Amino acid sequence: MTVTDGFSDQEHAAMRIRARTCEEFTVGSGFMLDEHTVVTNRHVVEDAQTITLTTYDGEQYEGTASVMADFADLALVTVDEPLEFAAPIATTEPAPDDELDVVGYPLGGPLETRTGPFIKRVPDTIGEGRDDVDLIKVQAEHGNSGSAVYDDAGKVVGVLYATDKKGESFAVTLESLSAFLSDTSLQLPNDADCQ
């Protein structure tokens, strides 16, 4: 893991996300995928009228468009200004006891990296009802939703979306993330309808 100015490459790629919908204001995390795209959770930006993204050092970007998955808690946000970093996507799923890093903005506050082991793949009992959710022994907070989950090579193996009272967190799997990124037919428009 490369570290410059006191921050790792993974932390450089992390973004704080604030979204305003017709009815509420949400906070979450995301990560830079390429020069104009950020990955986050659908529930962070769904129905958003405005999406504002900031880096660890306060640089601000405005989301100009977004798309969502209907099969997993995933979304992509497009920004016009070029992003400086890009998080590489892994090709291999994590194995039990692999140490994973969750990089995001708990409670919408300062950037944090939290580390814990991959436990196993479990059924999703929180949201989508899918059977391909990764369980990680990492305590996350509101605001960590959309955080990248990295393996020890510094590659993304999932996207955190929920936590429980036992100090365990749930992440969208690498398999689902890769499918969403590679198939544009799975990317549905995210349009706010404030009627």
N, C-alpha and C. Protein backbone atom coordinates (compact mmCIF):
# COMPACT_ATOMS: atom_id res chain seq x y z
N MET A 1 0.85 -1.18 0.00
CA MET A 1 0.00 0.00 0.00
C MET A 1 0.90 1.24 0.00
N THR A 2 0.78 2.04 -1.02
CA THR A 2 1.59 3.24 -1.13
C THR A 2 1.01 4.35 -0.26
N VAL A 3 1.90 5.05 0.46
CA VAL A 3 1.47 6.16 1.30
C VAL A 3 2.22 7.42 0.89
N THR A 4 1.47 8.48 0.58
CA THR A 4 2.06 9.79 0.31
C THR A 4 1.31 10.81 1.14
N ASP A 5 1.94 11.84 1.55
CA ASP A 5 1.38 12.91 2.40
C ASP A 5 0.61 12.37 3.60
N GLY A 6 1.00 11.18 4.07
CA GLY A 6 0.35 10.59 5.22
C GLY A 6 -0.90 9.80 4.92
N PHE A 7 -1.29 9.71 3.64
CA PHE A 7 -2.50 8.99 3.24
C PHE A 7 -2.15 7.92 2.21
N SER A 8 -2.82 6.78 2.29
CA SER A 8 -2.60 5.70 1.34
C SER A 8 -3.33 6.00 0.03
N ASP A 9 -2.99 5.25 -1.01
CA ASP A 9 -3.70 5.38 -2.29
C ASP A 9 -5.19 5.13 -2.10
N GLN A 10 -5.53 4.17 -1.25
CA GLN A 10 -6.93 3.84 -1.00
C GLN A 10 -7.65 5.01 -0.33
N GLU A 11 -6.97 5.68 0.58
CA GLU A 11 -7.59 6.84 1.24
C GLU A 11 -7.69 8.02 0.28
N HIS A 12 -6.73 8.18 -0.62
CA HIS A 12 -6.83 9.24 -1.63
C HIS A 12 -8.06 9.04 -2.51
N ALA A 13 -8.43 7.78 -2.78
CA ALA A 13 -9.55 7.49 -3.68
C ALA A 13 -10.91 7.60 -2.99
N ALA A 14 -10.93 7.70 -1.67
CA ALA A 14 -12.20 7.75 -0.93
C ALA A 14 -12.86 9.12 -1.05
N MET A 15 -14.19 9.11 -1.07
CA MET A 15 -14.94 10.37 -1.16
C MET A 15 -16.09 10.37 -0.15
N ARG A 16 -16.30 11.53 0.46
CA ARG A 16 -17.47 11.75 1.30
C ARG A 16 -18.59 12.20 0.38
N ILE A 17 -19.77 11.64 0.57
CA ILE A 17 -20.91 11.97 -0.31
C ILE A 17 -22.04 12.55 0.52
N ARG A 18 -22.56 13.69 0.06
CA ARG A 18 -23.75 14.29 0.65
C ARG A 18 -24.78 14.43 -0.46
N ALA A 19 -25.96 13.89 -0.21
CA ALA A 19 -27.01 13.93 -1.23
C ALA A 19 -28.28 14.53 -0.65
N ARG A 20 -28.93 15.37 -1.44
CA ARG A 20 -30.21 15.94 -1.04
C ARG A 20 -31.30 15.37 -1.93
N THR A 21 -32.28 14.71 -1.29
CA THR A 21 -33.43 14.18 -2.02
C THR A 21 -34.58 15.15 -1.86
N CYS A 22 -35.74 14.76 -2.35
CA CYS A 22 -36.93 15.60 -2.20
C CYS A 22 -37.32 15.78 -0.74
N GLU A 23 -36.96 14.80 0.12
CA GLU A 23 -37.44 14.80 1.49
C GLU A 23 -36.37 14.82 2.55
N GLU A 24 -35.11 14.50 2.21
CA GLU A 24 -34.10 14.40 3.26
C GLU A 24 -32.70 14.67 2.73
N PHE A 25 -31.78 14.67 3.67
CA PHE A 25 -30.37 14.87 3.39
C PHE A 25 -29.64 13.61 3.86
N THR A 26 -28.81 13.01 3.00
CA THR A 26 -28.11 11.78 3.37
C THR A 26 -26.60 11.99 3.27
N VAL A 27 -25.86 11.21 4.05
CA VAL A 27 -24.41 11.21 3.97
C VAL A 27 -23.94 9.78 3.77
N GLY A 28 -22.82 9.64 3.08
CA GLY A 28 -22.25 8.32 2.85
C GLY A 28 -20.84 8.46 2.34
N SER A 29 -20.32 7.36 1.86
CA SER A 29 -18.97 7.31 1.33
C SER A 29 -19.00 6.73 -0.08
N GLY A 30 -17.89 6.85 -0.76
CA GLY A 30 -17.75 6.27 -2.08
C GLY A 30 -16.27 6.21 -2.42
N PHE A 31 -15.98 5.73 -3.62
CA PHE A 31 -14.58 5.69 -4.05
C PHE A 31 -14.48 5.96 -5.54
N MET A 32 -13.37 6.59 -5.91
CA MET A 32 -13.11 6.94 -7.30
C MET A 32 -12.83 5.67 -8.11
N LEU A 33 -13.60 5.49 -9.18
CA LEU A 33 -13.41 4.34 -10.06
C LEU A 33 -12.52 4.70 -11.23
N ASP A 34 -12.75 5.89 -11.79
CA ASP A 34 -11.94 6.38 -12.90
C ASP A 34 -12.00 7.90 -12.88
N GLU A 35 -11.60 8.53 -13.96
CA GLU A 35 -11.46 9.99 -13.97
C GLU A 35 -12.76 10.75 -13.72
N HIS A 36 -13.91 10.12 -14.03
CA HIS A 36 -15.18 10.84 -13.89
C HIS A 36 -16.27 10.03 -13.18
N THR A 37 -15.91 8.93 -12.51
CA THR A 37 -16.93 8.06 -11.93
C THR A 37 -16.59 7.68 -10.49
N VAL A 38 -17.61 7.73 -9.63
CA VAL A 38 -17.49 7.34 -8.23
C VAL A 38 -18.51 6.24 -7.95
N VAL A 39 -18.08 5.21 -7.23
CA VAL A 39 -18.96 4.11 -6.82
C VAL A 39 -19.44 4.36 -5.40
N THR A 40 -20.72 4.11 -5.15
CA THR A 40 -21.28 4.22 -3.80
C THR A 40 -22.44 3.25 -3.70
N ASN A 41 -23.25 3.38 -2.64
CA ASN A 41 -24.46 2.59 -2.49
C ASN A 41 -25.65 3.30 -3.10
N ARG A 42 -26.59 2.51 -3.59
CA ARG A 42 -27.84 3.07 -4.11
C ARG A 42 -28.55 3.87 -3.02
N HIS A 43 -28.60 3.33 -1.79
CA HIS A 43 -29.38 4.02 -0.75
C HIS A 43 -28.77 5.35 -0.33
N VAL A 44 -27.52 5.61 -0.69
CA VAL A 44 -26.90 6.89 -0.39
C VAL A 44 -27.39 7.98 -1.34
N VAL A 45 -27.62 7.64 -2.61
CA VAL A 45 -27.94 8.67 -3.61
C VAL A 45 -29.29 8.49 -4.29
N GLU A 46 -30.05 7.47 -3.92
CA GLU A 46 -31.33 7.24 -4.60
C GLU A 46 -32.25 8.44 -4.47
N ASP A 47 -32.83 8.86 -5.59
CA ASP A 47 -33.75 10.01 -5.66
C ASP A 47 -33.08 11.34 -5.34
N ALA A 48 -31.75 11.39 -5.45
CA ALA A 48 -31.04 12.62 -5.12
C ALA A 48 -31.28 13.70 -6.16
N GLN A 49 -31.55 14.92 -5.69
CA GLN A 49 -31.62 16.08 -6.57
C GLN A 49 -30.24 16.68 -6.76
N THR A 50 -29.44 16.67 -5.68
CA THR A 50 -28.06 17.15 -5.76
C THR A 50 -27.15 16.15 -5.04
N ILE A 51 -25.94 15.98 -5.57
CA ILE A 51 -24.94 15.10 -4.96
C ILE A 51 -23.63 15.87 -4.92
N THR A 52 -23.10 16.05 -3.71
CA THR A 52 -21.83 16.74 -3.52
C THR A 52 -20.82 15.75 -2.96
N LEU A 53 -19.63 15.71 -3.55
CA LEU A 53 -18.59 14.77 -3.16
C LEU A 53 -17.35 15.56 -2.75
N THR A 54 -16.70 15.13 -1.66
CA THR A 54 -15.47 15.80 -1.23
C THR A 54 -14.40 14.76 -0.92
N THR A 55 -13.15 15.16 -1.10
CA THR A 55 -12.02 14.31 -0.81
C THR A 55 -11.55 14.55 0.63
N TYR A 56 -10.58 13.76 1.06
CA TYR A 56 -10.04 13.87 2.43
C TYR A 56 -9.48 15.26 2.72
N ASP A 57 -9.00 15.94 1.66
CA ASP A 57 -8.41 17.27 1.87
C ASP A 57 -9.34 18.41 1.49
N GLY A 58 -10.64 18.10 1.33
CA GLY A 58 -11.64 19.14 1.15
C GLY A 58 -11.95 19.55 -0.27
N GLU A 59 -11.32 18.90 -1.27
CA GLU A 59 -11.65 19.25 -2.66
C GLU A 59 -13.07 18.78 -2.96
N GLN A 60 -13.86 19.64 -3.57
CA GLN A 60 -15.28 19.37 -3.76
C GLN A 60 -15.63 19.17 -5.23
N TYR A 61 -16.54 18.23 -5.46
CA TYR A 61 -17.04 17.91 -6.80
C TYR A 61 -18.56 17.85 -6.74
N GLU A 62 -19.20 18.16 -7.87
CA GLU A 62 -20.65 18.05 -7.96
C GLU A 62 -21.00 16.89 -8.88
N GLY A 63 -21.90 16.03 -8.40
CA GLY A 63 -22.39 14.95 -9.25
C GLY A 63 -23.29 15.50 -10.34
N THR A 64 -23.04 15.09 -11.57
CA THR A 64 -23.84 15.59 -12.69
C THR A 64 -24.86 14.57 -13.18
N ALA A 65 -24.67 13.29 -12.82
CA ALA A 65 -25.60 12.23 -13.19
C ALA A 65 -25.33 11.04 -12.29
N SER A 66 -26.30 10.14 -12.19
CA SER A 66 -26.08 8.92 -11.42
C SER A 66 -26.98 7.81 -11.95
N VAL A 67 -26.49 6.58 -11.78
CA VAL A 67 -27.25 5.39 -12.15
C VAL A 67 -27.19 4.43 -10.97
N MET A 68 -28.17 3.51 -10.93
CA MET A 68 -28.28 2.58 -9.81
C MET A 68 -28.47 1.16 -10.33
N ALA A 69 -28.16 0.20 -9.46
CA ALA A 69 -28.50 -1.20 -9.73
C ALA A 69 -29.83 -1.51 -9.07
N ASP A 70 -30.60 -2.42 -9.68
CA ASP A 70 -31.83 -2.85 -9.01
C ASP A 70 -31.65 -4.20 -8.34
N PHE A 71 -30.47 -4.82 -8.48
CA PHE A 71 -30.23 -6.15 -7.92
C PHE A 71 -29.27 -6.12 -6.74
N ALA A 72 -28.67 -4.98 -6.46
CA ALA A 72 -27.73 -4.84 -5.35
C ALA A 72 -27.70 -3.37 -4.94
N ASP A 73 -27.17 -3.10 -3.76
CA ASP A 73 -27.13 -1.73 -3.24
C ASP A 73 -25.89 -1.02 -3.80
N LEU A 74 -25.96 -0.67 -5.08
CA LEU A 74 -24.84 -0.05 -5.80
C LEU A 74 -25.33 1.11 -6.64
N ALA A 75 -24.47 2.11 -6.80
CA ALA A 75 -24.75 3.25 -7.67
C ALA A 75 -23.44 3.81 -8.19
N LEU A 76 -23.52 4.51 -9.31
CA LEU A 76 -22.39 5.23 -9.89
C LEU A 76 -22.78 6.70 -9.99
N VAL A 77 -21.87 7.57 -9.60
CA VAL A 77 -22.08 9.02 -9.71
C VAL A 77 -21.04 9.56 -10.69
N THR A 78 -21.49 10.36 -11.64
CA THR A 78 -20.60 10.98 -12.63
C THR A 78 -20.29 12.41 -12.20
N VAL A 79 -19.02 12.78 -12.32
CA VAL A 79 -18.60 14.16 -12.06
C VAL A 79 -17.91 14.70 -13.31
N ASP A 80 -18.04 16.01 -13.56
CA ASP A 80 -17.42 16.61 -14.74
C ASP A 80 -15.94 16.88 -14.55
N GLU A 81 -15.57 17.40 -13.38
CA GLU A 81 -14.16 17.70 -13.13
C GLU A 81 -13.38 16.40 -12.97
N PRO A 82 -12.19 16.30 -13.55
CA PRO A 82 -11.45 15.03 -13.49
C PRO A 82 -10.99 14.70 -12.07
N LEU A 83 -11.13 13.43 -11.73
CA LEU A 83 -10.67 12.91 -10.46
C LEU A 83 -9.21 12.46 -10.59
N GLU A 84 -8.46 12.61 -9.53
CA GLU A 84 -7.02 12.37 -9.59
C GLU A 84 -6.64 10.91 -9.38
N PHE A 85 -7.49 10.14 -8.68
CA PHE A 85 -7.13 8.78 -8.32
C PHE A 85 -8.17 7.80 -8.86
N ALA A 86 -7.83 6.52 -8.85
CA ALA A 86 -8.75 5.46 -9.26
C ALA A 86 -8.44 4.21 -8.45
N ALA A 87 -9.46 3.62 -7.85
CA ALA A 87 -9.27 2.41 -7.06
C ALA A 87 -9.33 1.20 -7.98
N PRO A 88 -8.32 0.34 -7.95
CA PRO A 88 -8.35 -0.85 -8.81
C PRO A 88 -9.32 -1.88 -8.26
N ILE A 89 -10.01 -2.57 -9.16
CA ILE A 89 -10.97 -3.60 -8.79
C ILE A 89 -10.27 -4.95 -8.82
N ALA A 90 -10.44 -5.74 -7.77
CA ALA A 90 -9.82 -7.06 -7.69
C ALA A 90 -10.45 -8.03 -8.68
N THR A 91 -9.80 -9.13 -8.90
CA THR A 91 -10.35 -10.21 -9.74
C THR A 91 -10.62 -11.46 -8.93
N THR A 92 -10.19 -11.46 -7.66
CA THR A 92 -10.36 -12.63 -6.79
C THR A 92 -11.13 -12.25 -5.53
N GLU A 93 -12.16 -13.04 -5.22
CA GLU A 93 -12.95 -12.82 -4.01
C GLU A 93 -12.09 -13.05 -2.77
N PRO A 94 -12.43 -12.41 -1.65
CA PRO A 94 -11.68 -12.67 -0.42
C PRO A 94 -11.99 -14.07 0.12
N ALA A 95 -11.05 -14.60 0.89
CA ALA A 95 -11.21 -15.89 1.54
C ALA A 95 -11.38 -15.69 3.03
N PRO A 96 -11.97 -16.65 3.74
CA PRO A 96 -12.14 -16.52 5.19
C PRO A 96 -10.83 -16.16 5.88
N ASP A 97 -10.92 -15.22 6.80
CA ASP A 97 -9.82 -14.70 7.62
C ASP A 97 -8.89 -13.74 6.88
N ASP A 98 -9.12 -13.48 5.59
CA ASP A 98 -8.35 -12.43 4.91
C ASP A 98 -8.61 -11.10 5.60
N GLU A 99 -7.54 -10.34 5.88
CA GLU A 99 -7.70 -9.02 6.47
C GLU A 99 -8.14 -8.03 5.40
N LEU A 100 -9.21 -7.29 5.67
CA LEU A 100 -9.76 -6.34 4.72
C LEU A 100 -9.79 -4.95 5.35
N ASP A 101 -9.61 -3.93 4.52
CA ASP A 101 -9.68 -2.53 4.96
C ASP A 101 -10.95 -1.90 4.43
N VAL A 102 -11.67 -1.21 5.30
CA VAL A 102 -12.85 -0.44 4.92
C VAL A 102 -12.46 1.03 5.04
N VAL A 103 -12.53 1.76 3.92
CA VAL A 103 -12.06 3.14 3.87
C VAL A 103 -13.24 4.07 3.57
N GLY A 104 -13.58 4.91 4.54
CA GLY A 104 -14.72 5.79 4.33
C GLY A 104 -14.83 6.86 5.40
N TYR A 105 -16.01 7.45 5.49
CA TYR A 105 -16.26 8.62 6.34
C TYR A 105 -17.37 8.32 7.35
N PRO A 106 -17.06 7.61 8.45
CA PRO A 106 -18.10 7.32 9.43
C PRO A 106 -18.73 8.58 9.99
N LEU A 107 -20.05 8.54 10.08
CA LEU A 107 -20.83 9.67 10.61
C LEU A 107 -20.63 10.95 9.80
N GLY A 108 -20.13 10.81 8.56
CA GLY A 108 -19.89 11.98 7.72
C GLY A 108 -18.71 12.80 8.18
N GLY A 109 -17.92 12.26 9.12
CA GLY A 109 -16.80 12.98 9.68
C GLY A 109 -15.50 12.72 8.95
N PRO A 110 -14.37 12.74 9.67
CA PRO A 110 -13.07 12.56 9.04
C PRO A 110 -12.90 11.17 8.43
N LEU A 111 -12.03 11.08 7.46
CA LEU A 111 -11.71 9.83 6.79
C LEU A 111 -11.10 8.84 7.78
N GLU A 112 -11.55 7.58 7.72
CA GLU A 112 -10.99 6.52 8.57
C GLU A 112 -10.82 5.25 7.77
N THR A 113 -9.78 4.49 8.12
CA THR A 113 -9.59 3.13 7.61
C THR A 113 -9.75 2.18 8.78
N ARG A 114 -10.67 1.24 8.65
CA ARG A 114 -10.91 0.24 9.68
C ARG A 114 -10.59 -1.13 9.09
N THR A 115 -9.96 -1.98 9.88
CA THR A 115 -9.49 -3.27 9.39
C THR A 115 -10.12 -4.41 10.17
N GLY A 116 -10.46 -5.48 9.45
CA GLY A 116 -10.99 -6.67 10.09
C GLY A 116 -11.03 -7.82 9.12
N PRO A 117 -11.27 -9.03 9.61
CA PRO A 117 -11.25 -10.21 8.74
C PRO A 117 -12.55 -10.43 7.98
N PHE A 118 -12.40 -11.00 6.79
CA PHE A 118 -13.55 -11.51 6.05
C PHE A 118 -14.04 -12.75 6.78
N ILE A 119 -15.35 -12.84 7.02
CA ILE A 119 -15.89 -13.99 7.74
C ILE A 119 -16.41 -15.03 6.74
N LYS A 120 -17.45 -14.65 5.99
CA LYS A 120 -18.02 -15.59 5.02
C LYS A 120 -19.08 -14.87 4.19
N ARG A 121 -19.56 -15.54 3.18
CA ARG A 121 -20.68 -15.05 2.39
C ARG A 121 -21.96 -15.51 3.07
N VAL A 122 -22.91 -14.59 3.18
CA VAL A 122 -24.16 -14.88 3.90
C VAL A 122 -25.35 -14.38 3.10
N PRO A 123 -26.55 -14.88 3.42
CA PRO A 123 -27.76 -14.31 2.81
C PRO A 123 -27.98 -12.89 3.30
N ASP A 124 -28.53 -12.06 2.45
CA ASP A 124 -28.85 -10.68 2.80
C ASP A 124 -30.18 -10.66 3.52
N THR A 125 -30.15 -10.34 4.80
CA THR A 125 -31.40 -10.27 5.57
C THR A 125 -31.83 -8.83 5.81
N ILE A 126 -31.04 -7.88 5.27
CA ILE A 126 -31.32 -6.46 5.52
C ILE A 126 -32.10 -5.82 4.37
N GLY A 127 -31.64 -6.06 3.13
CA GLY A 127 -32.22 -5.30 2.03
C GLY A 127 -32.74 -6.12 0.89
N GLU A 128 -31.84 -6.58 0.03
CA GLU A 128 -32.24 -7.13 -1.26
C GLU A 128 -32.71 -8.58 -1.22
N GLY A 129 -32.42 -9.30 -0.13
CA GLY A 129 -32.81 -10.70 -0.08
C GLY A 129 -31.96 -11.60 -0.95
N ARG A 130 -30.76 -11.14 -1.32
CA ARG A 130 -29.86 -11.93 -2.14
C ARG A 130 -29.02 -12.85 -1.26
N ASP A 131 -28.39 -13.83 -1.87
CA ASP A 131 -27.59 -14.77 -1.09
C ASP A 131 -26.10 -14.57 -1.31
N ASP A 132 -25.71 -13.39 -1.80
CA ASP A 132 -24.28 -13.17 -2.06
C ASP A 132 -23.80 -11.86 -1.44
N VAL A 133 -23.86 -11.84 -0.11
CA VAL A 133 -23.41 -10.68 0.65
C VAL A 133 -22.22 -11.11 1.49
N ASP A 134 -21.17 -10.29 1.54
CA ASP A 134 -19.99 -10.60 2.34
C ASP A 134 -20.15 -10.07 3.75
N LEU A 135 -19.81 -10.91 4.74
CA LEU A 135 -19.84 -10.52 6.14
C LEU A 135 -18.40 -10.29 6.60
N ILE A 136 -18.15 -9.13 7.20
CA ILE A 136 -16.81 -8.71 7.60
C ILE A 136 -16.85 -8.33 9.07
N LYS A 137 -15.81 -8.68 9.81
CA LYS A 137 -15.74 -8.32 11.23
C LYS A 137 -15.11 -6.93 11.35
N VAL A 138 -15.90 -5.92 11.00
CA VAL A 138 -15.49 -4.51 11.08
C VAL A 138 -16.69 -3.72 11.59
N GLN A 139 -16.48 -2.90 12.60
CA GLN A 139 -17.54 -2.03 13.10
C GLN A 139 -17.61 -0.79 12.22
N ALA A 140 -18.72 -0.60 11.55
CA ALA A 140 -18.93 0.57 10.71
C ALA A 140 -19.99 1.45 11.36
N GLU A 141 -20.15 2.64 10.81
CA GLU A 141 -21.12 3.61 11.33
C GLU A 141 -21.96 4.14 10.18
N HIS A 142 -23.05 4.83 10.54
CA HIS A 142 -23.79 5.59 9.54
C HIS A 142 -22.79 6.52 8.86
N GLY A 143 -22.82 6.60 7.56
CA GLY A 143 -21.83 7.40 6.82
C GLY A 143 -20.79 6.53 6.14
N ASN A 144 -20.59 5.30 6.66
CA ASN A 144 -19.66 4.36 6.01
C ASN A 144 -20.30 3.70 4.78
N SER A 145 -21.60 3.80 4.63
CA SER A 145 -22.25 3.19 3.48
C SER A 145 -21.60 3.68 2.19
N GLY A 146 -21.22 2.75 1.33
CA GLY A 146 -20.56 3.08 0.08
C GLY A 146 -19.05 3.01 0.15
N SER A 147 -18.51 2.73 1.34
CA SER A 147 -17.06 2.62 1.50
C SER A 147 -16.52 1.44 0.70
N ALA A 148 -15.37 1.63 0.10
CA ALA A 148 -14.69 0.53 -0.57
C ALA A 148 -14.14 -0.43 0.48
N VAL A 149 -14.19 -1.73 0.16
CA VAL A 149 -13.58 -2.77 0.97
C VAL A 149 -12.39 -3.29 0.17
N TYR A 150 -11.18 -3.17 0.74
CA TYR A 150 -9.95 -3.51 0.04
C TYR A 150 -9.31 -4.77 0.60
N ASP A 151 -8.68 -5.55 -0.30
CA ASP A 151 -7.88 -6.68 0.13
C ASP A 151 -6.47 -6.21 0.48
N ASP A 152 -5.58 -7.15 0.83
CA ASP A 152 -4.24 -6.74 1.26
C ASP A 152 -3.36 -6.27 0.12
N ALA A 153 -3.83 -6.44 -1.12
CA ALA A 153 -3.12 -5.91 -2.28
C ALA A 153 -3.60 -4.51 -2.65
N GLY A 154 -4.55 -3.97 -1.87
CA GLY A 154 -5.07 -2.63 -2.14
C GLY A 154 -6.08 -2.58 -3.26
N LYS A 155 -6.76 -3.71 -3.51
CA LYS A 155 -7.78 -3.76 -4.57
C LYS A 155 -9.16 -3.94 -3.97
N VAL A 156 -10.16 -3.35 -4.62
CA VAL A 156 -11.53 -3.38 -4.12
C VAL A 156 -12.12 -4.77 -4.29
N VAL A 157 -12.62 -5.33 -3.16
CA VAL A 157 -13.28 -6.64 -3.20
C VAL A 157 -14.75 -6.55 -2.79
N GLY A 158 -15.25 -5.34 -2.53
CA GLY A 158 -16.64 -5.18 -2.17
C GLY A 158 -16.96 -3.75 -1.82
N VAL A 159 -18.25 -3.50 -1.56
CA VAL A 159 -18.72 -2.16 -1.20
C VAL A 159 -19.60 -2.29 0.05
N LEU A 160 -19.14 -1.71 1.15
CA LEU A 160 -19.86 -1.81 2.42
C LEU A 160 -21.21 -1.11 2.33
N TYR A 161 -22.27 -1.72 2.93
CA TYR A 161 -23.56 -1.06 2.88
C TYR A 161 -24.35 -1.09 4.18
N ALA A 162 -23.94 -1.90 5.15
CA ALA A 162 -24.71 -1.96 6.40
C ALA A 162 -23.83 -2.54 7.50
N THR A 163 -24.28 -2.34 8.75
CA THR A 163 -23.57 -2.90 9.90
C THR A 163 -24.61 -3.36 10.91
N ASP A 164 -24.16 -4.15 11.89
CA ASP A 164 -25.08 -4.61 12.94
C ASP A 164 -24.51 -4.29 14.32
N LYS A 165 -25.24 -4.66 15.35
CA LYS A 165 -24.83 -4.33 16.72
C LYS A 165 -23.73 -5.25 17.24
N LYS A 166 -23.38 -6.29 16.48
CA LYS A 166 -22.35 -7.23 16.91
C LYS A 166 -20.97 -6.83 16.40
N GLY A 167 -20.86 -5.67 15.76
CA GLY A 167 -19.57 -5.25 15.23
C GLY A 167 -19.21 -5.93 13.93
N GLU A 168 -20.23 -6.37 13.21
CA GLU A 168 -20.02 -6.99 11.90
C GLU A 168 -20.69 -6.12 10.84
N SER A 169 -20.11 -6.12 9.65
CA SER A 169 -20.64 -5.30 8.57
C SER A 169 -20.87 -6.15 7.33
N PHE A 170 -21.71 -5.63 6.46
CA PHE A 170 -22.11 -6.34 5.26
C PHE A 170 -21.65 -5.55 4.04
N ALA A 171 -21.19 -6.28 3.02
CA ALA A 171 -20.70 -5.64 1.80
C ALA A 171 -21.26 -6.32 0.57
N VAL A 172 -21.58 -5.51 -0.43
CA VAL A 172 -21.91 -6.05 -1.75
C VAL A 172 -20.66 -6.78 -2.26
N THR A 173 -20.83 -7.94 -2.82
CA THR A 173 -19.69 -8.76 -3.22
C THR A 173 -18.97 -8.21 -4.45
N LEU A 174 -17.75 -8.67 -4.63
CA LEU A 174 -16.99 -8.36 -5.83
C LEU A 174 -17.72 -8.85 -7.07
N GLU A 175 -18.35 -10.00 -6.99
CA GLU A 175 -19.09 -10.55 -8.13
C GLU A 175 -20.20 -9.60 -8.58
N SER A 176 -20.98 -9.11 -7.63
CA SER A 176 -22.07 -8.18 -7.97
C SER A 176 -21.53 -6.85 -8.47
N LEU A 177 -20.48 -6.35 -7.82
CA LEU A 177 -19.88 -5.09 -8.26
C LEU A 177 -19.36 -5.21 -9.69
N SER A 178 -18.65 -6.28 -9.98
CA SER A 178 -18.08 -6.47 -11.33
C SER A 178 -19.18 -6.57 -12.38
N ALA A 179 -20.28 -7.26 -12.05
CA ALA A 179 -21.39 -7.37 -12.99
C ALA A 179 -22.00 -6.00 -13.27
N PHE A 180 -22.20 -5.22 -12.23
CA PHE A 180 -22.78 -3.88 -12.37
C PHE A 180 -21.89 -2.97 -13.21
N LEU A 181 -20.59 -3.03 -12.99
CA LEU A 181 -19.67 -2.16 -13.72
C LEU A 181 -19.52 -2.56 -15.18
N SER A 182 -19.67 -3.85 -15.48
CA SER A 182 -19.40 -4.32 -16.84
C SER A 182 -20.62 -4.36 -17.75
N ASP A 183 -21.82 -4.26 -17.18
CA ASP A 183 -23.04 -4.41 -17.99
C ASP A 183 -23.91 -3.17 -17.83
N THR A 184 -23.89 -2.30 -18.83
CA THR A 184 -24.65 -1.04 -18.74
C THR A 184 -26.16 -1.27 -18.68
N SER A 185 -26.64 -2.45 -19.11
CA SER A 185 -28.08 -2.71 -19.01
C SER A 185 -28.53 -2.85 -17.56
N LEU A 186 -27.58 -3.04 -16.65
CA LEU A 186 -27.90 -3.14 -15.22
C LEU A 186 -27.85 -1.79 -14.53
N GLN A 187 -27.50 -0.73 -15.27
CA GLN A 187 -27.34 0.61 -14.70
C GLN A 187 -28.58 1.45 -15.04
N LEU A 188 -29.44 1.62 -14.07
CA LEU A 188 -30.72 2.29 -14.28
C LEU A 188 -30.64 3.76 -13.88
N PRO A 189 -31.29 4.65 -14.62
CA PRO A 189 -31.24 6.07 -14.29
C PRO A 189 -31.76 6.35 -12.88
N ASN A 190 -31.13 7.29 -12.22
CA ASN A 190 -31.52 7.73 -10.89
C ASN A 190 -32.13 9.11 -11.01
N ASP A 191 -33.42 9.16 -11.15
CA ASP A 191 -34.12 10.43 -11.37
C ASP A 191 -34.97 10.79 -10.17
N ALA A 192 -34.75 11.96 -9.61
CA ALA A 192 -35.58 12.43 -8.50
C ALA A 192 -36.94 12.88 -9.03
N ASP A 193 -38.00 12.38 -8.45
CA ASP A 193 -39.34 12.75 -8.85
C ASP A 193 -40.04 13.35 -7.62
N CYS A 194 -40.01 14.67 -7.55
CA CYS A 194 -40.50 15.37 -6.36
C CYS A 194 -41.91 15.90 -6.61
N GLN A 195 -42.86 15.01 -6.75
CA GLN A 195 -44.24 15.45 -6.99
C GLN A 195 -45.06 15.33 -5.75
